Amino acid sequence: MMGARNRAALAAAMLVIAQVTACSTCQGLTPVSMPTPSPSRQAAPVPTSGATPPAPFLAVVPAPVFPGAGAPRASGRVAARPRRIFSKELSRSLDAFLAGYGGRTAASVSDLSTGRRYHYHHTLQLPSANTSKVSILTALLLGTRWHELGEQARSDASDMIRFSDNEAADRLYERIGMRPGLASANRRLGLRRTYTPGGWCAAQYCWGVAQTTVEDQIRLVKALATGKSPLAAPERRRVLGLMAKVTPEQKWGISAGACESDQVSLKNGWLRHTANGRWAVASAGLIRGHGHDYAVAVLTEDSPSMETGIARIEGVTRRLMDAFRGGRGCEATANRAPGP
């Protein structure tokens, strides 16, 4: 004979099952039995906000699992899960590649579409060289919209970015207020570890020997490629547009990691230290394509030649982008130029 306690438990269970059967719209619950709606009648929608099912249903009764029932099929195309970046393995790969070069190298990639990031020696402060010209133009446009600039200033801006004209850069550097003006713009852009010395360096201002980090360079590219920026959208497009039209002789660098159909906006930098004859070479910008926007920056120092610095940057960039793209790679591997 069933005891009083067991009879009470059985009655409670029967009551819960009856309640679940009657509830066809409770979140997280599946009715035990429910007629299939005809084409002319649609089931009531599941509440998405403002309506919370009674607490006992959520706390006591899980959704029943029926034998043979599979997971619901998603309609339409399912987006592929972003490839995981194995930082330790990637760092070891870069260490092995750079072992034959010596010198110092820092690199960073940020997938602006998925939030994935990778940094390599990201705390190193290295010379920005001519990549500082992007900061100069950004500082100029933070104060004056492009359409408000005079013809000379627009011409200088184009020559400074597309052809890396130093004299044009000097004129715009003076216009933004030189070191204080550039420092103020960098603060607005969130560049926390970029420093430009004052005065003259050789035959030009010292903007070319500014010290920066790859993290700051990524922040600058993000400010040009996303809406989270103090720079207005037309000005962001203008800067990236000029960076996309860099003269062919200066399109080396991070472009080595781009697929044939990708759009690349970049600015490269190079300088030779007078004290030891060694080279600092840098490349930073945006690789856009295949549903992703990659902000990429690679800084190097102490190369015996500019060509060696370029080879370091391009070899690092290829390895970075292979890690981010994974097995998908470029649509056609042959479309990317071979390299070390």
Foldseek 3Di string as FASTA:
>chain_A
DDDPVRVVVVVVVVVLLVVLLVDPQAPQAHHPDDDDDDPVDDDDYHDDDDDHPPPCCVPPPGHDDDPPDDDDDDPDDDDDDFFDFPQVVLQVVLCVVCVVFDFDKWKKKAWPQPGDIYTDPQVDWFFQALVLLLLLLQLVCLVPPPVRDDPLLNVLNLCCQQVVDQVSSQVSCVVLPHQVSSVVSLVQLVQDPWHFDADPDPPGTRSRRIIGGNVSLLSSQCLLVDPPHSGDVVSSCVSQVSQQNHPPVQPFFLCLQAFLPKGWRKGKRKDADPVPRWMKIWMWTWTDDPSIIMTIIMITTRGNDPVSNSLSRSVSSNSVSCSRCPPPRHVDVVRRDDHD
